[in-house]
N, C-alpha and C. Protein backbone atom coordinates (compact mmCIF):
# COMPACT_ATOMS: atom_id res chain seq x y z
N MET A 1 -10.48 -3.49 22.90
CA MET A 1 -11.67 -3.96 22.51
C MET A 1 -11.77 -5.60 22.66
N ASN A 2 -12.92 -6.14 23.07
CA ASN A 2 -12.88 -7.54 23.21
C ASN A 2 -13.42 -8.16 22.16
N GLU A 3 -13.14 -9.26 22.03
CA GLU A 3 -13.62 -10.42 21.08
C GLU A 3 -15.15 -10.37 20.96
N GLY A 4 -15.62 -10.17 19.97
CA GLY A 4 -17.09 -10.48 19.86
C GLY A 4 -17.76 -8.95 20.08
N GLU A 5 -16.97 -7.88 20.34
CA GLU A 5 -17.76 -6.93 20.69
C GLU A 5 -17.93 -5.96 19.40
N GLU A 6 -19.04 -5.30 19.13
CA GLU A 6 -19.69 -4.81 18.19
C GLU A 6 -18.54 -3.44 18.14
N ILE A 7 -18.16 -3.20 16.52
CA ILE A 7 -17.51 -2.06 16.55
C ILE A 7 -18.56 -1.05 15.95
N THR A 8 -18.56 0.20 16.50
CA THR A 8 -19.47 1.30 16.11
C THR A 8 -19.09 2.41 15.34
N LYS A 9 -17.46 2.59 15.37
CA LYS A 9 -16.88 3.73 14.52
C LYS A 9 -16.00 2.88 13.59
N GLY A 10 -15.76 3.67 12.37
CA GLY A 10 -14.87 3.19 11.28
C GLY A 10 -14.21 4.35 10.79
N PHE A 11 -13.74 3.64 9.36
CA PHE A 11 -13.08 4.75 8.98
C PHE A 11 -13.37 4.42 7.34
N THR A 12 -13.59 5.94 6.59
CA THR A 12 -14.21 5.59 5.32
C THR A 12 -13.16 5.68 4.29
N ALA A 13 -13.41 4.79 3.09
CA ALA A 13 -12.72 4.83 2.22
C ALA A 13 -13.42 4.97 0.68
N GLY A 14 -12.83 5.71 -0.31
CA GLY A 14 -13.61 5.44 -1.41
C GLY A 14 -13.54 4.30 -2.32
N ILE A 15 -14.40 3.96 -3.26
CA ILE A 15 -14.21 2.86 -3.90
C ILE A 15 -13.63 3.14 -5.34
N PHE A 16 -12.74 2.84 -5.99
CA PHE A 16 -12.51 2.86 -7.30
C PHE A 16 -12.45 2.05 -8.35
N GLU A 17 -13.00 2.08 -9.58
CA GLU A 17 -13.18 1.11 -10.45
C GLU A 17 -12.89 1.69 -11.81
N SER A 18 -12.35 0.66 -12.79
CA SER A 18 -12.24 1.26 -14.53
C SER A 18 -13.22 1.66 -14.93
N LYS A 19 -12.81 3.10 -15.40
CA LYS A 19 -13.83 3.55 -16.16
C LYS A 19 -14.21 2.99 -17.49
N GLU A 20 -13.14 2.16 -18.06
CA GLU A 20 -13.28 1.41 -19.30
C GLU A 20 -14.39 0.28 -19.25
N ILE A 21 -14.06 -0.44 -18.54
CA ILE A 21 -14.47 -1.74 -18.06
C ILE A 21 -16.03 -1.67 -17.59
N GLY A 22 -16.02 -0.65 -16.25
CA GLY A 22 -17.23 -0.54 -15.33
C GLY A 22 -17.01 -1.61 -14.24
N ASN A 23 -18.29 -1.62 -13.80
CA ASN A 23 -18.58 -2.42 -12.67
C ASN A 23 -18.68 -4.11 -12.89
N CYS A 24 -17.99 -4.90 -12.35
CA CYS A 24 -17.96 -6.29 -12.36
C CYS A 24 -18.21 -7.22 -11.18
N SER A 25 -18.83 -6.65 -10.26
CA SER A 25 -19.30 -6.96 -9.09
C SER A 25 -20.41 -7.97 -8.87
N ASN A 26 -21.00 -8.02 -9.74
CA ASN A 26 -22.49 -8.90 -10.26
C ASN A 26 -23.25 -8.55 -8.76
N TRP A 27 -23.46 -7.36 -8.73
CA TRP A 27 -24.40 -6.51 -7.42
C TRP A 27 -23.76 -6.60 -6.25
N GLY A 28 -22.52 -6.40 -6.17
CA GLY A 28 -21.81 -6.50 -4.85
C GLY A 28 -21.56 -4.89 -4.33
N ILE A 29 -21.10 -4.64 -3.48
CA ILE A 29 -21.12 -3.42 -2.68
C ILE A 29 -20.91 -2.13 -3.78
N SER A 30 -19.72 -2.52 -4.45
CA SER A 30 -19.13 -1.32 -5.54
C SER A 30 -20.28 -1.11 -6.47
N SER A 31 -21.26 -1.97 -6.88
CA SER A 31 -22.05 -1.51 -7.80
C SER A 31 -23.42 -0.62 -7.56
N ARG A 32 -23.32 -0.35 -6.05
CA ARG A 32 -24.51 0.66 -5.43
C ARG A 32 -23.68 1.71 -4.54
N ALA A 33 -22.47 1.69 -4.34
CA ALA A 33 -22.25 2.81 -3.42
C ALA A 33 -20.80 3.27 -3.84
N LYS A 34 -20.51 4.62 -3.66
CA LYS A 34 -18.90 5.27 -4.11
C LYS A 34 -17.91 5.18 -3.09
N SER A 35 -18.60 4.74 -1.53
CA SER A 35 -17.32 4.73 -0.57
C SER A 35 -17.97 3.39 0.20
N VAL A 36 -16.84 2.95 0.95
CA VAL A 36 -17.15 2.13 2.19
C VAL A 36 -16.92 2.54 3.79
N MET A 37 -17.56 1.94 4.52
CA MET A 37 -16.96 2.15 6.06
C MET A 37 -16.08 0.87 6.16
N ILE A 38 -15.11 1.16 6.72
CA ILE A 38 -14.14 0.14 7.36
C ILE A 38 -14.46 0.06 9.01
N ALA A 39 -14.71 -1.42 8.89
CA ALA A 39 -14.87 -1.47 10.62
C ALA A 39 -13.60 -2.26 11.28
N SER A 40 -12.89 -1.97 12.22
CA SER A 40 -11.70 -2.30 12.58
C SER A 40 -11.61 -2.11 14.21
N PRO A 41 -11.04 -3.16 14.58
CA PRO A 41 -10.69 -3.26 16.20
C PRO A 41 -9.65 -1.91 16.62
N ASN A 42 -9.05 -1.74 15.44
CA ASN A 42 -7.66 -0.47 15.41
C ASN A 42 -8.52 0.95 15.69
N GLU A 43 -8.22 1.23 16.98
CA GLU A 43 -9.02 2.67 17.87
C GLU A 43 -8.23 3.83 16.90
N ARG A 44 -7.11 3.95 16.15
CA ARG A 44 -6.71 4.89 15.20
C ARG A 44 -7.70 5.08 13.96
N LEU A 45 -8.48 3.93 13.62
CA LEU A 45 -9.40 4.07 12.39
C LEU A 45 -10.84 4.29 13.12
N HIS A 46 -10.92 4.73 14.04
CA HIS A 46 -12.47 4.95 14.88
C HIS A 46 -12.54 6.61 14.56
N VAL A 47 -12.94 6.78 13.36
CA VAL A 47 -13.28 8.51 12.92
C VAL A 47 -14.71 8.73 12.65
N PHE A 48 -15.42 7.89 12.04
CA PHE A 48 -16.71 8.13 12.10
C PHE A 48 -17.88 7.13 12.75
N ASN A 49 -18.81 7.75 13.12
CA ASN A 49 -19.74 6.64 13.71
C ASN A 49 -20.32 5.81 12.30
N ILE A 50 -20.54 4.65 12.51
CA ILE A 50 -21.12 3.36 11.82
C ILE A 50 -22.38 3.41 11.55
N ASN A 51 -23.18 3.80 10.44
CA ASN A 51 -24.81 3.52 10.54
C ASN A 51 -25.02 2.50 9.91
N THR A 52 -25.31 1.56 10.30
CA THR A 52 -25.58 -0.04 9.71
C THR A 52 -26.83 -0.04 8.86
N GLU A 53 -27.65 1.16 8.95
CA GLU A 53 -28.58 1.31 7.84
C GLU A 53 -28.47 2.03 6.50
N LYS A 54 -27.39 2.71 6.65
CA LYS A 54 -26.82 3.73 5.50
C LYS A 54 -25.83 3.20 4.83
N ASP A 55 -24.55 2.73 5.99
CA ASP A 55 -23.15 2.19 5.23
C ASP A 55 -23.17 1.14 4.56
N GLU A 56 -22.23 0.88 3.83
CA GLU A 56 -21.97 -0.13 3.12
C GLU A 56 -20.74 -0.37 4.07
N ILE A 57 -20.44 -1.68 4.45
CA ILE A 57 -19.36 -1.92 5.95
C ILE A 57 -18.53 -3.15 5.35
N VAL A 58 -17.12 -2.83 5.35
CA VAL A 58 -16.09 -3.83 4.87
C VAL A 58 -15.14 -4.24 6.00
N VAL A 59 -14.55 -5.38 6.18
CA VAL A 59 -13.50 -5.64 7.01
C VAL A 59 -12.42 -5.73 6.35
N ILE A 60 -11.07 -5.54 7.04
CA ILE A 60 -9.67 -5.77 6.28
C ILE A 60 -9.61 -7.08 6.82
N LYS A 61 -8.91 -7.93 5.52
CA LYS A 61 -8.41 -9.46 6.20
C LYS A 61 -6.97 -9.41 5.24
N LYS A 62 -6.35 -10.34 5.85
CA LYS A 62 -4.92 -10.62 5.38
C LYS A 62 -4.56 -12.04 5.36
N ARG A 63 -4.31 -12.47 3.93
CA ARG A 63 -3.61 -13.75 3.60
C ARG A 63 -2.27 -13.92 3.26
N GLY A 64 -1.64 -14.10 4.19
CA GLY A 64 0.03 -13.86 4.26
C GLY A 64 0.15 -12.45 3.87
N ASP A 65 0.71 -12.05 2.79
CA ASP A 65 1.25 -10.35 2.63
C ASP A 65 0.23 -10.05 1.75
N TYR A 66 -1.02 -10.97 1.49
CA TYR A 66 -2.40 -9.88 0.28
C TYR A 66 -3.16 -9.55 1.55
N VAL A 67 -3.69 -8.03 1.13
CA VAL A 67 -4.40 -7.54 2.15
C VAL A 67 -5.61 -7.20 0.96
N TYR A 68 -6.93 -7.43 1.71
CA TYR A 68 -8.14 -7.23 1.02
C TYR A 68 -9.20 -6.63 1.67
N ALA A 69 -10.20 -6.27 1.32
CA ALA A 69 -11.56 -5.91 2.17
C ALA A 69 -12.71 -7.01 1.51
N GLU A 70 -13.66 -7.33 2.54
CA GLU A 70 -14.53 -8.24 2.37
C GLU A 70 -15.94 -7.55 3.03
N PRO A 71 -17.04 -7.50 2.50
CA PRO A 71 -18.31 -7.35 3.23
C PRO A 71 -18.22 -7.92 4.76
N ILE A 72 -18.89 -7.25 5.55
CA ILE A 72 -18.66 -7.62 7.06
C ILE A 72 -19.79 -8.37 7.49
N ASP A 73 -20.55 -8.51 6.38
CA ASP A 73 -21.76 -9.62 6.79
C ASP A 73 -21.52 -10.81 5.71
N ALA A 74 -20.46 -11.12 5.19
CA ALA A 74 -20.06 -12.00 4.13
C ALA A 74 -20.37 -13.70 4.86
N PRO A 75 -21.12 -14.32 4.17
CA PRO A 75 -21.50 -15.69 4.63
C PRO A 75 -20.17 -16.48 4.91
N LYS A 76 -19.86 -17.03 5.71
CA LYS A 76 -18.87 -17.88 6.10
C LYS A 76 -18.55 -19.24 5.23
N GLY A 77 -17.16 -19.19 4.82
CA GLY A 77 -17.31 -20.42 3.91
C GLY A 77 -17.95 -20.20 2.53
N CYS A 78 -18.36 -19.03 2.33
CA CYS A 78 -18.84 -18.55 0.42
C CYS A 78 -17.56 -17.77 -0.07
N GLY A 79 -17.45 -18.37 -1.07
CA GLY A 79 -16.24 -17.35 -1.88
C GLY A 79 -16.55 -16.35 -2.66
N TRP A 80 -16.01 -15.41 -1.77
CA TRP A 80 -15.89 -13.79 -2.36
C TRP A 80 -14.75 -13.62 -3.18
N MET A 81 -14.73 -12.75 -4.29
CA MET A 81 -13.59 -12.67 -4.95
C MET A 81 -13.22 -10.95 -5.54
N MET A 82 -12.75 -10.62 -6.09
CA MET A 82 -12.55 -9.48 -6.57
C MET A 82 -13.35 -9.05 -7.76
N GLY A 83 -14.14 -7.86 -7.90
CA GLY A 83 -14.98 -7.54 -8.82
C GLY A 83 -14.30 -6.46 -9.80
N GLY A 84 -12.92 -6.18 -9.56
CA GLY A 84 -12.48 -5.28 -10.45
C GLY A 84 -12.14 -3.87 -9.56
N SER A 85 -12.63 -3.77 -8.32
CA SER A 85 -12.76 -2.62 -7.44
C SER A 85 -11.78 -2.56 -6.29
N PHE A 86 -11.30 -1.51 -6.19
CA PHE A 86 -10.40 -1.04 -4.89
C PHE A 86 -10.72 -0.30 -4.01
N ILE A 87 -10.56 -0.08 -3.06
CA ILE A 87 -10.85 1.07 -1.92
C ILE A 87 -9.42 1.50 -1.44
N TYR A 88 -9.65 3.06 -1.44
CA TYR A 88 -8.48 3.86 -1.05
C TYR A 88 -8.93 4.98 -0.31
N SER A 89 -7.85 5.66 0.47
CA SER A 89 -8.16 6.84 1.05
C SER A 89 -6.93 7.35 1.15
N CYS A 90 -6.96 9.24 0.94
CA CYS A 90 -5.69 9.83 0.95
C CYS A 90 -5.33 9.74 2.30
N ASP A 91 -6.07 9.71 3.26
CA ASP A 91 -5.72 9.85 4.57
C ASP A 91 -4.60 8.81 4.94
N SER A 92 -3.67 9.93 5.71
CA SER A 92 -2.46 9.08 6.20
C SER A 92 -2.47 7.80 7.13
N ARG A 93 -3.46 7.86 7.49
CA ARG A 93 -4.19 6.58 8.45
C ARG A 93 -4.38 5.37 7.69
N PHE A 94 -4.99 5.37 6.38
CA PHE A 94 -5.20 4.41 5.75
C PHE A 94 -3.77 3.54 5.31
N ARG A 95 -2.91 4.54 4.88
CA ARG A 95 -1.50 3.93 4.31
C ARG A 95 -0.73 3.63 5.80
N SER A 96 -0.70 4.18 6.75
CA SER A 96 0.00 3.49 8.03
C SER A 96 -0.87 2.39 8.66
N GLU A 97 -1.96 2.40 8.61
CA GLU A 97 -2.77 1.28 9.39
C GLU A 97 -3.30 0.21 8.48
N ILE A 98 -3.65 0.35 7.39
CA ILE A 98 -4.30 -0.83 6.76
C ILE A 98 -3.12 -1.07 5.23
N ASN A 99 -3.17 -0.17 4.45
CA ASN A 99 -1.89 -0.84 3.44
C ASN A 99 -1.40 0.56 2.80
N GLU A 100 -0.26 0.54 2.16
CA GLU A 100 0.34 1.62 1.49
C GLU A 100 -0.37 1.86 0.11
N TYR A 101 -0.89 0.79 -0.45
CA TYR A 101 -1.40 0.85 -1.63
C TYR A 101 -3.13 0.65 -1.60
N PRO A 102 -3.52 0.78 -2.70
CA PRO A 102 -5.16 0.43 -2.93
C PRO A 102 -5.32 -1.00 -2.43
N VAL A 103 -6.52 -1.50 -1.65
CA VAL A 103 -6.81 -2.67 -1.28
C VAL A 103 -7.93 -3.02 -2.21
N PRO A 104 -8.06 -4.21 -3.11
CA PRO A 104 -8.66 -5.00 -3.34
C PRO A 104 -9.89 -5.18 -3.01
N LEU A 105 -11.18 -4.92 -3.61
CA LEU A 105 -12.57 -4.99 -2.56
C LEU A 105 -13.15 -6.37 -3.12
N HIS A 106 -12.89 -7.50 -2.28
CA HIS A 106 -13.62 -8.56 -2.57
C HIS A 106 -15.34 -8.87 -2.49
N ASP A 107 -16.18 -8.08 -3.41
CA ASP A 107 -17.37 -8.01 -3.01
C ASP A 107 -18.17 -8.91 -4.17
N ARG A 108 -17.55 -9.38 -5.13
CA ARG A 108 -18.34 -10.17 -6.10
C ARG A 108 -18.46 -11.72 -5.47
N GLN A 109 -19.71 -12.37 -5.78
CA GLN A 109 -19.87 -13.57 -5.53
C GLN A 109 -20.59 -14.17 -6.78
N GLU A 110 -20.43 -15.29 -7.04
CA GLU A 110 -21.15 -15.90 -8.39
C GLU A 110 -22.50 -16.84 -7.78
N SER A 111 -22.57 -16.97 -6.82
CA SER A 111 -23.95 -17.70 -6.12
C SER A 111 -24.46 -16.27 -5.26
N ASN A 112 -24.57 -15.43 -5.83
CA ASN A 112 -25.16 -14.19 -4.76
C ASN A 112 -26.64 -14.12 -4.67
N LYS A 113 -27.17 -14.54 -3.55
CA LYS A 113 -28.98 -14.35 -3.50
C LYS A 113 -29.50 -12.95 -4.25
N LYS A 114 -28.62 -12.03 -3.77
CA LYS A 114 -29.29 -10.79 -4.25
C LYS A 114 -29.46 -10.65 -5.46
N TYR A 115 -28.14 -11.27 -6.11
CA TYR A 115 -28.23 -11.30 -7.92
C TYR A 115 -29.64 -12.02 -8.51
N GLU A 116 -29.48 -13.09 -7.82
CA GLU A 116 -30.79 -14.04 -8.29
C GLU A 116 -32.16 -13.12 -8.06
N GLU A 117 -32.48 -12.46 -6.86
CA GLU A 117 -33.67 -11.92 -6.40
C GLU A 117 -33.69 -10.77 -7.47
N LEU A 118 -32.48 -9.99 -7.73
CA LEU A 118 -32.71 -8.94 -8.76
C LEU A 118 -32.71 -9.19 -10.31
N SER A 119 -32.30 -10.28 -10.46
CA SER A 119 -32.25 -10.68 -12.03
C SER A 119 -33.73 -11.46 -12.20
N ARG A 120 -34.75 -11.53 -11.55
CA ARG A 120 -35.81 -11.92 -11.67
C ARG A 120 -36.97 -11.09 -12.29
């Protein structure tokens, strides 16, 4: 896969959050979806076709040893943070290609335009 090439296939993972606390994403992906599609250049993770009209799409990023997921359309330079949700799949490809443990979903943003639109 070449740099800048559009990813059309991905890998699905479920979204998990605390039943006691509930959703704290400030209208992020986890507030409206039960699963996400992971877009990755890794061809082992090209299992399902991505439907950009329907699927909530995330990318996996690493900061040192820290692995996290972020919305694929996250604006650059914008501060995304964890809203209390994790993504995970029991499929062995998740553990071998992404992370052995559930991955924090950074879908919360304080200056979220969607939040401002929905709260009016």
